[in-house]
Amino acid sequence: MAADLHAKYQKLAQEYSKLRAQNQVLKKAVVDEQGQGASLKEELKMKDQSVRKLQQEMDSLTFRNQQLAKRVELLQEELVTTEAKGKKSKQKSVDPPSQMSQQRQSVFDEDLQNKIQENERLHREIQEAQAKHSHTETDLRERLLVLEKDAMQHKAVIDGLKMKYMDTIEKLQNDKANLEVKSQSLEREAKDCRLRTEECQQQLKNIHTDLSSRLDQSLSIIQDKVPFNDTSCAEYSTLDVPVHDRRHQLKARDVSGQALTFLRDLVGALLNLHTYTEQRIQIYPIDSATDTISPLNQKFSEYLHENASYVRPLEERMLNLFESITEETLTTLETTVKLKPFSDVFTTYVYFLKKILPYQLKSLEEECEYSVCTASLQARNMELQSDMKKMTAVFEKLQVYISLLALPSTKPEMLLQTNYNVIFTQLAACLHSLHDVMKDISKHYSKKVSLEQELPTITQKLKNTNDCILSSVVALSNVTGKIGTFFSNNLDFFTVPSVYSSRIGMGVIDPLAAECMLENKKKAAAYIKSLKKPRPGSVPYEEALANRKTILSSTESREGLSQQVQQSQEKIAKLEQEKEHWMLEAQLAKIKLEKENQRLTELENQLKPTVTGKMTFVGAVQENGTIPKLEEESPLVEKDSKEPVRSTSLVGMLTTSTINNEIPDAESREQLIKNHYMMRVAELTSQLQIGDSKSVHFYAECRALAKRLALAEKSREALLEEVKVANQNIVRLQDELMTTKRSYEDQLSMMSDHLCSMNETLSKQREEIDSLRMGSKGNAKKNRGR
C-alpha cells in the first residue's frame, strides 16, 4: 500500500514538474507577445507622425498652388492690358513688343506647365500615401485585435493552470498527510508483526518439540504394530471401491439413452440416403431398365448396396454400450469397454465413406457430361462434390476423436487424463461442423432438384427419388443439429473429472484394475445388501407353545389335507365345465337373438307400406318412462275394437288392445329396454360432459404447469449461473488459501531452518566450551603434577 502511494506521489510530482515547465514556456510566449504589441504600437505612432508630416506638406503645397493660381491670374490680366495697349499704339514698332510678349508668354506657359505637372505628381503621391496609410492602419488594427485576443486567451490559460496547480498542490499535501498517517500505522503494524513473529517462533519451537515427540512415537508404533501398508504403492489403491455416485450414474444412463435415440435417427437417415442414392444411379442419367449404365455407376451401385452392413452395426454397438451403463456400475472412460467396439464399427463406416467418395465424385462428373445438364446444374454438382469431400473429412475427424476416447479402456498409457476435456470440446466442435456441412448439402441439393425439375427428360420416378433423397438429407441435417446441441449441452457432464480418478489421483488407470474394482464393488454391494436384510419376525414363546399344542392335538394329517386339495380340484374342474356350458348357451342365445332381430326387421319392412300415413307413433321416451299416446286413432281400430293392433317401433313389434288397454309382455319388455338404454345414454352423456369439463380443466392446469415449468427452467438457468460463479469464487478462494498456506509454510520452513542453524551454532559453541573446559582441566592436572 505504501509503495502504491509512493508511486502515485512520484507520478503527481512528475506531472507538476511538467506543468511548471509548460507554465514557463507560456509566460515567455506572453512576454514576447507583449513586446511585439509594444513595438507595433511604436510603429503605429511613427506612421501617424509621417502621415501628419505628409498632411502638412500637402497643406503647404495647396497654399503654394493657390498662390501660383493667383499669380497666373495676375499675369493673364497683365497680358490682357498689354494686348489692349498694343492695339492703341499701332504706329509704333510692332516687332520688339511682340517678341517680348511671346517670350513672356512662353516662359509663363512653361512655368505653368511645370507647376501643373508638379501639382499632379504631388496629388498622386498624396493619394498613394493616404491609401498606403489607411491599409497599414487597418492591418495594424486587425493585428492588434488578434494580439489582444491571444493575450486574453493566454491570460485565461495561465489563470486555469494556476488554479489547477493550486488544486494539485492541495491534493499532494493531503496525500502527503495521508501517507504520513499510513506510514505511522504501517510502522505500528510492523511492530505488531515483529511481536507476532516472536510469538510464532516460540510457538514453532513448542510445536517442533511436540511434533518430534509424536513422530518418534508414531514411528515406533508403525514399526511395531503395522505389518502391511497398502498406501505405499498406488497400484493397490486401484482395487479400492470408490464412493458410489448414483446421480452421476442416472445422468450417464439418461445421456446414453438420448444418444441412442439420436444415433437411431442418424442411422435411419444414412440408410435412406445411401439407398435412394443407389436408386438414383440406376435411373439417372441412364435408366437401367432400358439401357446399361456405365461400369463406374455399376461399381458405385454395388458398394452402395452394401451400406446396411456398415450402418446397422452402429446402432447395435450403441445399444450394447447403453445396456452396459446401469445404475450399479461406475461409468468412466476406463470402465466403458463397450466403447471400443462402437469405435471399430464407426471406423469401418468411415472407411466405407472413403471408399465410395471417388465413385460419388466421378458419378457427379458423369452427370455433368450428360447433354441435358446445364451450366447452373453443373455448378450445383461441383458444390455437391466439395460438400461430399467436407462430409467425409468431418466423419474422419469424428472417427479420430471417438477412437481417442476409446483408448483409455484398452491402452490407458496412450492418452493422458488432462487431454479428456480437449477431446470432448473438439468433438463438440466437429459435430457442429458436421451439422453445417449437412445444411450446405441440403441447400445445394434442393437447388439441384429444382433445376432438374425443369429438364424436359425428367421422369416421375426420378422426381420421387429426388424427393426421397432430399427428405433424407434434411433429416440428416436435423439429427446432426440435435446431436451437436445435445453434446454441447452435456459438455460439462462429459468433462467433469470422474470420482475414480480424483479419488485415486493416478495419472494412468489400468482397465484390468478397473474391472477388478468393479467386481469388488459388486461384492461390497452384495455384502451390504445382505447386512441390510430385515430379520424375520420371531413368534413369542407363549404363542409358540400354544401353536405347538394345537398342532399336536389336531386330527388333520397330511393325508387329510391332500384329500381336501383333491376335492377342491374336482370342484374347480366341474365349475370349469359348467362355465363352458353356459358360455355355449350364451352364444346360442346370441345367435337366436340375431335371427329374431332379422325376422322383426323383415316384418317391419313388410308392414311399413300398409301402415304409412294411417298411424303415427311418437318414439320419444318420457322421463317418467310412460308409453307415448297415439295422436289419431286408426280406422282399423274403429271397425273392430277387440282385434289387436300391431305397430312398429325401434326395438320390435308392439301388440296392443284397445278394449282393456293392457300392455302385452313384448311391449313392456320393449319399453323397459328403451328406458334402460335412454337412461344409459343420459348417463353416458353426463359422463362425457364431466369428462370434457375435466379435460378442459386439465388442459388449463397443463398450460399453467407449462408456464411454471418455463419459469422454473429460467430460474434454474439463473441458479446454475450463480452456482458457476460461486464455484469460480470457491476455486479462487481455495487458490488464495493455498497460496497463503504455502507462504505460511515457507515462512515456517525458513523459521525452522533458522532454528536449526541456531541449534547448530549452539551445539558448536557447547563443543568449543567443552573443549576449553577439557583443556583447562588438563592444564590444571599438569600444574598439579609439576
Foldseek 3Di string as FASTA:
>chain_A
DLVVLVVVLVVLVVVLVVLVVVLVVLVVVLVVLVVVLVVLVVVLVVLVVVLVVLVVVVVVLVVVVVVLVVVVVVVVVVVVVVVVVCVVPVVDDDPPVVVVSVVVVVVNVVVVVVSVVVVVVSVVVNVVSVVVSVVVVVVSVVVSVVSVVVSVVSVVVSVVSVVVSVVSVVVSVVSVVVSVVVVVVVVVVVVVVVVVVVVVLVVLVVVVVVVVVVVVVVVVCCVPPPPDDQVVDLLSVLLAAFDQDLVLLVVVLVLLVVVLVLLVLLLVLVLLQLVLVLVLLCPPPHHVVVPNHDPLNVVLSVLSVCLCVLRVVLSVLSVVLSVVRDSLFFDDLQQSLSLQVNLVSLVVNLVSLVVNLVSLLVVLVVNCVDPQQDPVLNVLSVLLNVLSVQLSVLSVLLSVLSVLSNCQNPPQVVDWLVCQLVSLVVNLVSLVVNLVSLVSNLVSLVVNLVVVVPGPPDDPSSNVSSVSNSVSSVSNSVSSVVVSVSSVVCSCSRSDDGSSCVVSVDGGDHSVSNVSSSVVSVVVVVVVVVVPDDDDDDDDPVVVVVVVVCVVPDPDDPVNVVVVVVVVVVVVVVVVVVVVVVVVVVVVVVVVVVVVQVVQVVVQVVCCVVCPPFWDADQDADPVLDGDDTPDDGVVCVVPQQDWDWDDDDRGIFTAGRPPRDGDPVRVVVSVVVNVVVVVVVVVVVVVVVVVVVVVVVVVVVVVVVVVVVVVVVVVVVVVVVVVVVVVVVVVVVVVVVVVVVVVVVVSVVSVVVVVVVVVVVVVVVVVVVVVVVVVVVVVVVVVVD
